[in-house]
Protein backbone atom coordinates (compact mmCIF):
# COMPACT_ATOMS: atom_id res chain seq x y z
CA MET A 1 -48.37 -37.86 -29.73
CA LYS A 2 -51.44 -35.93 -28.53
CA ALA A 3 -53.09 -39.17 -27.41
CA CYS A 4 -50.03 -40.11 -25.32
CA TYR A 5 -50.06 -36.68 -23.70
CA ALA A 6 -53.78 -36.90 -22.97
CA VAL A 7 -53.44 -40.36 -21.39
CA ALA A 8 -50.62 -39.11 -19.18
CA LEU A 9 -52.85 -36.33 -17.85
CA GLY A 10 -55.21 -38.72 -16.09
CA ARG A 11 -58.78 -39.81 -16.67
CA TRP A 12 -60.71 -36.57 -16.19
CA GLU A 13 -57.96 -34.20 -17.23
CA SER A 14 -57.65 -36.07 -20.53
CA GLU A 15 -61.39 -35.71 -21.17
CA ALA A 16 -61.06 -31.98 -20.46
CA TYR A 17 -58.09 -31.87 -22.85
CA TRP A 18 -60.14 -33.39 -25.69
CA ALA A 19 -63.06 -31.09 -24.91
CA ASN A 20 -60.64 -28.17 -25.26
CA PHE A 21 -58.76 -29.56 -28.27
CA TRP A 22 -61.79 -29.89 -30.55
CA TYR A 23 -61.75 -26.28 -31.77
CA GLN A 24 -58.00 -25.64 -31.93
CA GLY A 25 -57.38 -27.22 -35.32
CA GLU A 26 -58.16 -25.82 -38.75
CA LYS A 27 -61.66 -27.24 -38.59
CA SER A 28 -63.60 -28.05 -35.48
CA ARG A 29 -64.25 -31.68 -34.65
CA ARG A 30 -67.47 -31.94 -32.71
CA GLU A 31 -67.07 -35.68 -32.26
CA LEU A 32 -64.26 -35.00 -29.75
CA LEU A 33 -66.62 -32.85 -27.73
CA ILE A 34 -69.41 -35.41 -27.97
CA GLU A 35 -67.12 -38.25 -26.83
CA SER A 36 -65.82 -36.18 -23.91
CA LEU A 37 -69.09 -34.83 -22.55
CA MET A 38 -72.26 -36.53 -23.75
CA GLY A 39 -73.73 -39.36 -21.72
CA ARG A 40 -71.67 -38.58 -18.62
CA SER A 41 -73.03 -38.39 -15.11
CA ASN A 42 -73.20 -35.06 -13.30
CA ARG A 43 -70.24 -36.11 -11.15
CA GLU A 44 -68.17 -37.00 -14.23
CA ILE A 45 -69.01 -33.65 -15.85
CA GLU A 46 -67.92 -31.90 -12.67
CA LYS A 47 -64.57 -33.74 -12.76
CA ILE A 48 -64.07 -32.90 -16.43
CA LYS A 49 -64.82 -29.24 -15.76
CA ASP A 50 -62.38 -29.28 -12.82
CA GLY A 51 -59.71 -30.76 -15.10
CA PHE A 52 -60.14 -28.10 -17.80
CA ASN A 53 -57.15 -25.78 -18.18
CA ASP A 54 -57.12 -22.89 -20.61
CA LYS A 55 -55.94 -19.51 -19.39
CA LYS A 56 -57.75 -17.82 -22.29
CA TYR A 57 -61.03 -18.84 -20.63
CA ARG A 58 -59.83 -18.61 -17.02
CA ASP A 59 -59.97 -22.42 -16.80
CA SER A 60 -63.73 -22.41 -17.40
CA LEU A 61 -64.99 -25.05 -19.82
CA ARG A 62 -68.39 -23.37 -19.84
CA GLN A 63 -66.85 -20.02 -20.84
CA CYS A 64 -64.91 -21.76 -23.59
CA MET A 65 -68.02 -23.42 -25.00
CA GLU A 66 -70.05 -20.21 -24.80
CA LYS A 67 -67.39 -18.38 -26.81
CA GLU A 68 -66.26 -21.06 -29.29
CA LEU A 69 -69.50 -22.79 -30.27
CA LYS A 70 -71.78 -21.15 -32.80
CA GLU A 71 -75.37 -20.50 -31.76
CA ASP A 72 -77.28 -23.68 -32.59
CA LYS A 73 -78.92 -26.69 -30.96
CA PHE A 74 -75.57 -28.39 -30.44
CA LYS A 75 -74.33 -25.46 -28.34
CA LYS A 76 -77.52 -25.55 -26.27
CA ALA A 77 -77.05 -29.28 -25.68
CA VAL A 78 -73.42 -28.86 -24.60
CA LEU A 79 -74.26 -26.00 -22.24
CA LEU A 80 -77.10 -28.05 -20.72
CA VAL A 81 -74.70 -30.92 -20.05
CA LEU A 82 -72.26 -28.51 -18.38
CA GLU A 83 -75.00 -27.35 -15.97
CA GLU A 84 -74.75 -30.77 -14.25
CA LYS A 85 -78.53 -31.01 -13.85
CA LYS A 86 -78.97 -34.32 -15.62
CA MET A 87 -81.49 -36.55 -13.91
CA GLU A 88 -79.49 -39.47 -12.61
CA GLU A 89 -80.65 -43.00 -13.26
CA SER A 90 -82.38 -44.69 -10.38
CA ARG A 91 -83.39 -48.22 -9.69
CA ARG A 92 -86.77 -49.22 -11.04
CA ILE A 93 -89.41 -49.83 -8.42
CA ASP A 94 -92.19 -52.23 -9.41
CA GLY A 95 -95.62 -51.82 -7.86
CA ASP A 96 -96.11 -55.59 -7.58
């Protein structure tokens, strides 16, 4: 049922839903967070952040991650992704 709900939300809102959902069960499921955020472009991360809704964190995905993730390398990686400073891929230019 949760998957149906998430699909109905729309592309970016559903990713934000899964990013929010990961910690709300009895045990956290980091794979949901990884699937939602890692490997995305800066623009996609921005859309996911815009689609995040949780009044507890004033609709801020960054605030949620700062509060809910324990201090470790995974948290640092997630927060870096949320900064939207990933170097975008560019076309390769050959010197020949």
